[in-house]
PDB file of N, CA and C in Angstrom:
ATOM      1  N   MET A   1    -141.870 -76.474 -11.120  1.00  0.00           N
ATOM      2  CA  MET A   1    -141.897 -76.411 -13.134  1.00  0.00           C
ATOM      3  C   MET A   1    -140.593 -75.589 -13.614  1.00  0.00           C
ATOM      4  N   SER A   2    -139.646 -76.648 -13.808  1.00  0.00           N
ATOM      5  CA  SER A   2    -138.468 -75.176 -14.602  1.00  0.00           C
ATOM      6  C   SER A   2    -139.191 -74.215 -15.345  1.00  0.00           C
ATOM      7  N   LYS A   3    -138.318 -73.666 -16.461  1.00  0.00           N
ATOM      8  CA  LYS A   3    -138.620 -72.803 -17.403  1.00  0.00           C
ATOM      9  C   LYS A   3    -139.483 -73.495 -18.275  1.00  0.00           C
ATOM     10  N   VAL A   4    -140.190 -72.585 -18.829  1.00  0.00           N
ATOM     11  CA  VAL A   4    -140.724 -73.253 -20.277  1.00  0.00           C
ATOM     12  C   VAL A   4    -141.367 -72.093 -21.478  1.00  0.00           C
ATOM     13  N   PHE A   5    -141.152 -72.046 -22.618  1.00  0.00           N
ATOM     14  CA  PHE A   5    -140.718 -71.670 -23.404  1.00  0.00           C
ATOM     15  C   PHE A   5    -143.162 -71.368 -23.987  1.00  0.00           C
ATOM     16  N   ALA A   6    -142.912 -69.959 -24.330  1.00  0.00           N
ATOM     17  CA  ALA A   6    -144.266 -69.718 -24.710  1.00  0.00           C
ATOM     18  C   ALA A   6    -145.225 -70.634 -25.871  1.00  0.00           C
ATOM     19  N   ARG A   7    -144.133 -70.977 -26.340  1.00  0.00           N
ATOM     20  CA  ARG A   7    -144.346 -71.577 -27.257  1.00  0.00           C
ATOM     21  C   ARG A   7    -145.000 -73.346 -27.623  1.00  0.00           C
ATOM     22  N   ASN A   8    -144.625 -73.553 -26.128  1.00  0.00           N
ATOM     23  CA  ASN A   8    -145.944 -74.941 -25.445  1.00  0.00           C
ATOM     24  C   ASN A   8    -147.067 -74.908 -24.415  1.00  0.00           C
ATOM     25  N   LEU A   9    -147.632 -73.458 -24.440  1.00  0.00           N
ATOM     26  CA  LEU A   9    -148.564 -73.521 -23.996  1.00  0.00           C
ATOM     27  C   LEU A   9    -149.569 -72.892 -25.310  1.00  0.00           C
ATOM     28  N   LEU A  10    -149.303 -73.480 -26.258  1.00  0.00           N
ATOM     29  CA  LEU A  10    -150.537 -72.597 -27.035  1.00  0.00           C
ATOM     30  C   LEU A  10    -152.445 -73.407 -26.881  1.00  0.00           C
ATOM     31  N   PHE A  11    -152.648 -72.013 -27.160  1.00  0.00           N
ATOM     32  CA  PHE A  11    -153.999 -72.422 -26.492  1.00  0.00           C
ATOM     33  C   PHE A  11    -154.632 -73.961 -27.684  1.00  0.00           C
ATOM     34  N   ASN A  12    -155.685 -74.348 -27.591  1.00  0.00           N
ATOM     35  CA  ASN A  12    -156.316 -75.318 -27.495  1.00  0.00           C
ATOM     36  C   ASN A  12    -155.531 -76.478 -27.529  1.00  0.00           C
ATOM     37  N   LYS A  13    -154.293 -76.863 -26.848  1.00  0.00           N
ATOM     38  CA  LYS A  13    -154.018 -77.443 -25.961  1.00  0.00           C
ATOM     39  C   LYS A  13    -154.679 -78.443 -25.337  1.00  0.00           C
ATOM     40  N   GLN A  14    -154.762 -79.890 -24.719  1.00  0.00           N
ATOM     41  CA  GLN A  14    -155.363 -80.254 -24.224  1.00  0.00           C
ATOM     42  C   GLN A  14    -154.639 -80.757 -22.843  1.00  0.00           C
ATOM     43  N   VAL A  15    -154.896 -80.581 -21.368  1.00  0.00           N
ATOM     44  CA  VAL A  15    -155.207 -80.568 -20.257  1.00  0.00           C
ATOM     45  C   VAL A  15    -155.636 -81.575 -19.983  1.00  0.00           C
ATOM     46  N   MET A  16    -154.621 -82.355 -18.749  1.00  0.00           N
ATOM     47  CA  MET A  16    -154.952 -83.785 -18.527  1.00  0.00           C
ATOM     48  C   MET A  16    -154.190 -83.670 -16.955  1.00  0.00           C
ATOM     49  N   ALA A  17    -154.784 -84.763 -15.959  1.00  0.00           N
ATOM     50  CA  ALA A  17    -154.340 -84.476 -14.707  1.00  0.00           C
ATOM     51  C   ALA A  17    -153.326 -86.036 -14.810  1.00  0.00           C
ATOM     52  N   THR A  18    -152.709 -86.128 -14.603  1.00  0.00           N
ATOM     53  CA  THR A  18    -151.679 -87.404 -13.923  1.00  0.00           C
ATOM     54  C   THR A  18    -152.334 -89.039 -13.694  1.00  0.00           C
ATOM     55  N   ASP A  19    -153.670 -88.625 -13.322  1.00  0.00           N
ATOM     56  CA  ASP A  19    -153.982 -90.250 -13.259  1.00  0.00           C
ATOM     57  C   ASP A  19    -154.950 -90.450 -14.570  1.00  0.00           C
ATOM     58  N   GLY A  20    -154.696 -89.569 -15.840  1.00  0.00           N
ATOM     59  CA  GLY A  20    -155.163 -89.877 -17.377  1.00  0.00           C
ATOM     60  C   GLY A  20    -156.660 -88.877 -17.721  1.00  0.00           C
ATOM     61  N   THR A  21    -156.862 -88.586 -16.647  1.00  0.00           N
ATOM     62  CA  THR A  21    -158.441 -87.600 -16.649  1.00  0.00           C
ATOM     63  C   THR A  21    -158.392 -86.396 -17.610  1.00  0.00           C
ATOM     64  N   GLU A  22    -159.401 -86.300 -18.664  1.00  0.00           N
ATOM     65  CA  GLU A  22    -159.188 -85.612 -19.518  1.00  0.00           C
ATOM     66  C   GLU A  22    -159.779 -84.469 -18.671  1.00  0.00           C
ATOM     67  N   ILE A  23    -159.284 -83.341 -18.402  1.00  0.00           N
ATOM     68  CA  ILE A  23    -159.923 -82.296 -18.556  1.00  0.00           C
ATOM     69  C   ILE A  23    -160.690 -80.986 -18.598  1.00  0.00           C
ATOM     70  N   GLY A  24    -160.095 -80.722 -19.357  1.00  0.00           N
ATOM     71  CA  GLY A  24    -159.542 -79.516 -20.559  1.00  0.00           C
ATOM     72  C   GLY A  24    -158.962 -78.947 -21.710  1.00  0.00           C
ATOM     73  N   THR A  25    -159.644 -78.422 -22.047  1.00  0.00           N
ATOM     74  CA  THR A  25    -158.847 -77.529 -23.426  1.00  0.00           C
ATOM     75  C   THR A  25    -158.222 -76.054 -22.747  1.00  0.00           C
ATOM     76  N   LEU A  26    -156.707 -75.858 -23.172  1.00  0.00           N
ATOM     77  CA  LEU A  26    -155.967 -74.637 -22.813  1.00  0.00           C
ATOM     78  C   LEU A  26    -156.975 -73.189 -23.640  1.00  0.00           C
ATOM     79  N   SER A  27    -157.546 -72.545 -22.762  1.00  0.00           N
ATOM     80  CA  SER A  27    -158.392 -71.035 -23.908  1.00  0.00           C
ATOM     81  C   SER A  27    -157.253 -69.787 -23.220  1.00  0.00           C
ATOM     82  N   ASN A  28    -156.418 -70.049 -22.212  1.00  0.00           N
ATOM     83  CA  ASN A  28    -155.973 -68.315 -21.952  1.00  0.00           C
ATOM     84  C   ASN A  28    -155.144 -69.228 -21.212  1.00  0.00           C
ATOM     85  N   ILE A  29    -154.060 -67.798 -20.721  1.00  0.00           N
ATOM     86  CA  ILE A  29    -153.199 -67.968 -19.583  1.00  0.00           C
ATOM     87  C   ILE A  29    -153.280 -66.519 -18.551  1.00  0.00           C
ATOM     88  N   VAL A  30    -153.096 -66.661 -17.441  1.00  0.00           N
ATOM     89  CA  VAL A  30    -152.799 -65.443 -16.250  1.00  0.00           C
ATOM     90  C   VAL A  30    -151.412 -65.367 -16.144  1.00  0.00           C
ATOM     91  N   VAL A  31    -151.429 -64.095 -16.701  1.00  0.00           N
ATOM     92  CA  VAL A  31    -149.700 -63.805 -16.721  1.00  0.00           C
ATOM     93  C   VAL A  31    -149.576 -62.592 -15.870  1.00  0.00           C
ATOM     94  N   GLU A  32    -148.364 -62.573 -14.444  1.00  0.00           N
ATOM     95  CA  GLU A  32    -148.588 -61.695 -14.084  1.00  0.00           C
ATOM     96  C   GLU A  32    -147.565 -60.552 -14.268  1.00  0.00           C
ATOM     97  N   ILE A  33    -147.980 -59.489 -14.716  1.00  0.00           N
ATOM     98  CA  ILE A  33    -147.123 -58.256 -15.347  1.00  0.00           C
ATOM     99  C   ILE A  33    -145.966 -57.623 -15.263  1.00  0.00           C
ATOM    100  N   LYS A  34    -145.674 -57.362 -14.002  1.00  0.00           N
ATOM    101  CA  LYS A  34    -144.173 -56.840 -14.043  1.00  0.00           C
ATOM    102  C   LYS A  34    -143.055 -58.096 -13.730  1.00  0.00           C
ATOM    103  N   GLY A  35    -143.489 -59.200 -13.886  1.00  0.00           N
ATOM    104  CA  GLY A  35    -142.425 -60.393 -14.048  1.00  0.00           C
ATOM    105  C   GLY A  35    -142.386 -61.397 -15.064  1.00  0.00           C
ATOM    106  N   GLY A  36    -143.696 -61.321 -15.487  1.00  0.00           N
ATOM    107  CA  GLY A  36    -144.024 -62.143 -16.925  1.00  0.00           C
ATOM    108  C   GLY A  36    -144.205 -63.698 -15.960  1.00  0.00           C
ATOM    109  N   LYS A  37    -144.027 -64.141 -15.011  1.00  0.00           N
ATOM    110  CA  LYS A  37    -144.549 -65.303 -14.544  1.00  0.00           C
ATOM    111  C   LYS A  37    -146.027 -65.739 -15.016  1.00  0.00           C
ATOM    112  N   VAL A  38    -146.399 -67.240 -15.263  1.00  0.00           N
ATOM    113  CA  VAL A  38    -147.854 -67.304 -15.398  1.00  0.00           C
ATOM    114  C   VAL A  38    -148.533 -67.896 -14.309  1.00  0.00           C
ATOM    115  N   ILE A  39    -149.334 -67.427 -13.571  1.00  0.00           N
ATOM    116  CA  ILE A  39    -150.017 -67.350 -12.615  1.00  0.00           C
ATOM    117  C   ILE A  39    -151.168 -68.639 -12.630  1.00  0.00           C
ATOM    118  N   ASP A  40    -152.051 -68.586 -13.349  1.00  0.00           N
ATOM    119  CA  ASP A  40    -153.265 -69.908 -14.083  1.00  0.00           C
ATOM    120  C   ASP A  40    -153.365 -69.689 -15.219  1.00  0.00           C
ATOM    121  N   LEU A  41    -153.898 -71.223 -15.786  1.00  0.00           N
ATOM    122  CA  LEU A  41    -154.226 -71.588 -16.939  1.00  0.00           C
ATOM    123  C   LEU A  41    -155.743 -72.020 -17.284  1.00  0.00           C
ATOM    124  N   VAL A  42    -156.384 -70.782 -17.620  1.00  0.00           N
ATOM    125  CA  VAL A  42    -157.800 -70.538 -17.928  1.00  0.00           C
ATOM    126  C   VAL A  42    -158.116 -71.452 -19.115  1.00  0.00           C
ATOM    127  N   VAL A  43    -159.109 -72.468 -18.345  1.00  0.00           N
ATOM    128  CA  VAL A  43    -158.924 -74.118 -19.061  1.00  0.00           C
ATOM    129  C   VAL A  43    -160.853 -73.878 -19.157  1.00  0.00           C
ATOM    130  N   SER A  44    -161.108 -74.555 -20.534  1.00  0.00           N
ATOM    131  CA  SER A  44    -162.003 -74.703 -21.046  1.00  0.00           C
ATOM    132  C   SER A  44    -162.737 -76.496 -20.945  1.00  0.00           C
ATOM    133  N   PRO A  45    -163.388 -76.838 -19.238  1.00  0.00           N
ATOM    134  CA  PRO A  45    -163.059 -77.986 -18.826  1.00  0.00           C
ATOM    135  C   PRO A  45    -164.269 -78.973 -20.118  1.00  0.00           C
ATOM    136  N   ASN A  46    -164.117 -80.155 -20.077  1.00  0.00           N
ATOM    137  CA  ASN A  46    -164.775 -81.033 -20.436  1.00  0.00           C
ATOM    138  C   ASN A  46    -165.663 -81.225 -20.088  1.00  0.00           C
ATOM    139  N   PRO A  47    -167.254 -80.722 -20.452  1.00  0.00           N
ATOM    140  CA  PRO A  47    -168.698 -80.816 -20.231  1.00  0.00           C
ATOM    141  C   PRO A  47    -168.442 -82.774 -18.856  1.00  0.00           C
ATOM    142  N   THR A  48    -167.635 -84.009 -19.250  1.00  0.00           N
ATOM    143  CA  THR A  48    -168.153 -84.963 -18.334  1.00  0.00           C
ATOM    144  C   THR A  48    -166.832 -84.542 -16.675  1.00  0.00           C
ATOM    145  N   PHE A  49    -166.447 -83.487 -16.889  1.00  0.00           N
ATOM    146  CA  PHE A  49    -165.420 -83.655 -15.891  1.00  0.00           C
ATOM    147  C   PHE A  49    -166.083 -82.480 -14.388  1.00  0.00           C
ATOM    148  N   ASP A  50    -165.461 -83.429 -13.429  1.00  0.00           N
ATOM    149  CA  ASP A  50    -166.227 -82.221 -12.199  1.00  0.00           C
ATOM    150  C   ASP A  50    -165.650 -81.308 -11.941  1.00  0.00           C
ATOM    151  N   ILE A  51    -166.231 -79.999 -11.898  1.00  0.00           N
ATOM    152  CA  ILE A  51    -165.549 -78.804 -12.175  1.00  0.00           C
ATOM    153  C   ILE A  51    -165.575 -78.214 -10.299  1.00  0.00           C
ATOM    154  N   SER A  52    -166.424 -79.079  -9.747  1.00  0.00           N
ATOM    155  CA  SER A  52    -166.830 -77.914  -8.067  1.00  0.00           C
ATOM    156  C   SER A  52    -165.250 -78.171  -7.260  1.00  0.00           C
ATOM    157  N   ARG A  53    -164.532 -78.276  -7.433  1.00  0.00           N
ATOM    158  CA  ARG A  53    -163.597 -78.091  -6.083  1.00  0.00           C
ATOM    159  C   ARG A  53    -162.427 -77.326  -6.983  1.00  0.00           C
ATOM    160  N   TYR A  54    -163.247 -76.544  -8.037  1.00  0.00           N
ATOM    161  CA  TYR A  54    -162.034 -75.801  -8.860  1.00  0.00           C
ATOM    162  C   TYR A  54    -162.501 -74.337  -8.900  1.00  0.00           C
ATOM    163  N   LYS A  55    -161.616 -73.426  -9.081  1.00  0.00           N
ATOM    164  CA  LYS A  55    -161.307 -71.724  -9.134  1.00  0.00           C
ATOM    165  C   LYS A  55    -162.221 -71.988 -10.634  1.00  0.00           C
ATOM    166  N   LYS A  56    -163.213 -71.129 -10.559  1.00  0.00           N
ATOM    167  CA  LYS A  56    -164.363 -70.870 -11.420  1.00  0.00           C
ATOM    168  C   LYS A  56    -163.879 -69.303 -12.110  1.00  0.00           C
ATOM    169  N   GLU A  57    -164.247 -69.139 -13.709  1.00  0.00           N
ATOM    170  CA  GLU A  57    -164.581 -67.413 -13.703  1.00  0.00           C
ATOM    171  C   GLU A  57    -164.863 -68.060 -15.243  1.00  0.00           C
ATOM    172  N   ASP A  58    -166.702 -67.403 -15.118  1.00  0.00           N
ATOM    173  CA  ASP A  58    -167.045 -67.523 -16.458  1.00  0.00           C
ATOM    174  C   ASP A  58    -167.989 -68.797 -16.179  1.00  0.00           C
ATOM    175  N   ASN A  59    -167.143 -69.629 -17.600  1.00  0.00           N
ATOM    176  CA  ASN A  59    -167.595 -70.607 -17.815  1.00  0.00           C
ATOM    177  C   ASN A  59    -165.769 -71.113 -18.030  1.00  0.00           C
ATOM    178  N   TYR A  60    -165.467 -70.918 -17.234  1.00  0.00           N
ATOM    179  CA  TYR A  60    -163.467 -71.925 -17.547  1.00  0.00           C
ATOM    180  C   TYR A  60    -163.659 -71.703 -15.922  1.00  0.00           C
ATOM    181  N   ILE A  61    -162.468 -73.140 -15.681  1.00  0.00           N
ATOM    182  CA  ILE A  61    -161.256 -73.513 -14.383  1.00  0.00           C
ATOM    183  C   ILE A  61    -159.974 -72.792 -14.351  1.00  0.00           C
ATOM    184  N   LEU A  62    -159.966 -72.235 -13.400  1.00  0.00           N
ATOM    185  CA  LEU A  62    -158.367 -71.803 -13.516  1.00  0.00           C
ATOM    186  C   LEU A  62    -157.580 -73.141 -12.729  1.00  0.00           C
ATOM    187  N   ILE A  63    -156.620 -73.108 -13.593  1.00  0.00           N
ATOM    188  CA  ILE A  63    -156.084 -74.375 -12.774  1.00  0.00           C
ATOM    189  C   ILE A  63    -154.671 -73.529 -12.336  1.00  0.00           C
ATOM    190  N   PRO A  64    -154.051 -73.142 -10.945  1.00  0.00           N
ATOM    191  CA  PRO A  64    -152.632 -72.664 -10.926  1.00  0.00           C
ATOM    192  C   PRO A  64    -151.637 -73.417 -11.826  1.00  0.00           C
ATOM    193  N   PHE A  65    -150.834 -72.524 -12.041  1.00  0.00           N
ATOM    194  CA  PHE A  65    -149.740 -72.343 -12.982  1.00  0.00           C
ATOM    195  C   PHE A  65    -148.782 -73.713 -12.283  1.00  0.00           C
ATOM    196  N   GLU A  66    -148.521 -74.147 -10.321  1.00  0.00           N
ATOM    197  CA  GLU A  66    -147.990 -74.833  -9.558  1.00  0.00           C
ATOM    198  C   GLU A  66    -148.078 -75.848 -10.036  1.00  0.00           C
ATOM    199  N   SER A  67    -149.527 -76.059 -10.362  1.00  0.00           N
ATOM    200  CA  SER A  67    -150.007 -77.492 -10.030  1.00  0.00           C
ATOM    201  C   SER A  67    -149.511 -78.294 -11.471  1.00  0.00           C
ATOM    202  N   VAL A  68    -149.106 -77.535 -12.165  1.00  0.00           N
ATOM    203  CA  VAL A  68    -147.939 -78.315 -13.974  1.00  0.00           C
ATOM    204  C   VAL A  68    -147.093 -79.039 -13.907  1.00  0.00           C
ATOM    205  N   SER A  69    -147.054 -81.016 -14.298  1.00  0.00           N
ATOM    206  CA  SER A  69    -146.016 -81.781 -14.007  1.00  0.00           C
ATOM    207  C   SER A  69    -145.478 -81.776 -15.685  1.00  0.00           C
ATOM    208  N   ALA A  70    -145.919 -81.205 -16.230  1.00  0.00           N
ATOM    209  CA  ALA A  70    -145.221 -81.144 -17.626  1.00  0.00           C
ATOM    210  C   ALA A  70    -145.945 -81.284 -18.540  1.00  0.00           C
ATOM    211  N   ILE A  71    -145.157 -80.092 -19.133  1.00  0.00           N
ATOM    212  CA  ILE A  71    -145.652 -79.608 -21.269  1.00  0.00           C
ATOM    213  C   ILE A  71    -145.115 -80.228 -21.590  1.00  0.00           C
ATOM    214  N   LYS A  72    -145.862 -81.028 -22.957  1.00  0.00           N
ATOM    215  CA  LYS A  72    -145.309 -81.766 -24.113  1.00  0.00           C
ATOM    216  C   LYS A  72    -146.712 -81.679 -24.875  1.00  0.00           C
ATOM    217  N   ASP A  73    -146.944 -82.838 -25.577  1.00  0.00           N
ATOM    218  CA  ASP A  73    -148.188 -83.094 -26.497  1.00  0.00           C
ATOM    219  C   ASP A  73    -149.566 -82.600 -25.764  1.00  0.00           C
ATOM    220  N   TYR A  74    -149.515 -82.942 -24.360  1.00  0.00           N
ATOM    221  CA  TYR A  74    -150.611 -82.663 -23.598  1.00  0.00           C
ATOM    222  C   TYR A  74    -149.981 -80.968 -22.067  1.00  0.00           C
ATOM    223  N   ILE A  75    -151.009 -80.425 -21.365  1.00  0.00           N
ATOM    224  CA  ILE A  75    -150.671 -80.661 -20.175  1.00  0.00           C
ATOM    225  C   ILE A  75    -150.653 -80.611 -19.194  1.00  0.00           C
ATOM    226  N   ILE A  76    -149.924 -81.472 -18.748  1.00  0.00           N
ATOM    227  CA  ILE A  76    -150.827 -82.727 -17.227  1.00  0.00           C
ATOM    228  C   ILE A  76    -150.122 -82.016 -16.084  1.00  0.00           C
ATOM    229  N   ILE A  77    -151.177 -82.149 -15.246  1.00  0.00           N
ATOM    230  CA  ILE A  77    -151.139 -81.012 -13.795  1.00  0.00           C
ATOM    231  C   ILE A  77    -151.499 -82.333 -12.866  1.00  0.00           C
ATOM    232  N   ASP A  78    -151.527 -81.923 -11.763  1.00  0.00           N
ATOM    233  CA  ASP A  78    -151.996 -82.274 -10.266  1.00  0.00           C
ATOM    234  C   ASP A  78    -153.059 -82.290  -9.512  1.00  0.00           C
ATOM    235  N   LYS A  79    -153.855 -82.778 -10.474  1.00  0.00           N
ATOM    236  CA  LYS A  79    -155.705 -82.417  -9.393  1.00  0.00           C
ATOM    237  C   LYS A  79    -155.162 -81.436  -7.271  1.00  0.00           C
ATOM    238  N   MET A  80    -154.609 -82.736  -7.167  1.00  0.00           N
ATOM    239  CA  MET A  80    -154.653 -82.149  -5.914  1.00  0.00           C
ATOM    240  C   MET A  80    -153.973 -81.214  -5.810  1.00  0.00           C
ATOM    241  N   LYS A  81    -153.418 -80.600  -6.683  1.00  0.00           N
ATOM    242  CA  LYS A  81    -152.392 -79.158  -5.950  1.00  0.00           C
ATOM    243  C   LYS A  81    -153.512 -78.220  -6.675  1.00  0.00           C
ATOM    244  N   ALA A  82    -154.576 -78.663  -7.774  1.00  0.00           N
ATOM    245  CA  ALA A  82    -154.888 -77.575  -8.527  1.00  0.00           C
ATOM    246  C   ALA A  82    -156.452 -77.389  -8.035  1.00  0.00           C
ATOM    247  N   ARG A  83    -156.348 -78.132  -7.315  1.00  0.00           N
ATOM    248  CA  ARG A  83    -158.190 -77.906  -6.217  1.00  0.00           C
ATOM    249  C   ARG A  83    -158.113 -76.648  -5.852  1.00  0.00           C
ATOM    250  N   ALA A  84    -159.012 -75.955  -5.629  1.00  0.00           N
ATOM    251  CA  ALA A  84    -159.099 -74.636  -5.166  1.00  0.00           C
ATOM    252  C   ALA A  84    -159.633 -74.455  -3.263  1.00  0.00           C
TER     253      ALA A  84
END
């Protein structure tokens, strides 16, 4: 993905898959300290979303930023790239 402005990664933004599945809500981000590169999205998953194939931390799932395909009104991710 090309450069993204931090203002587009507003917390509480909805995270959806390319197939329209509602994954959850952006809660935080993990950033590389040296270069400032976004590593993971920390997402509070919807209760109905199957989180079994995703990396988990506490009550959140970690979605690699490389799986993001678009950021507009929603953050759109490719589920196949996001799975652990």
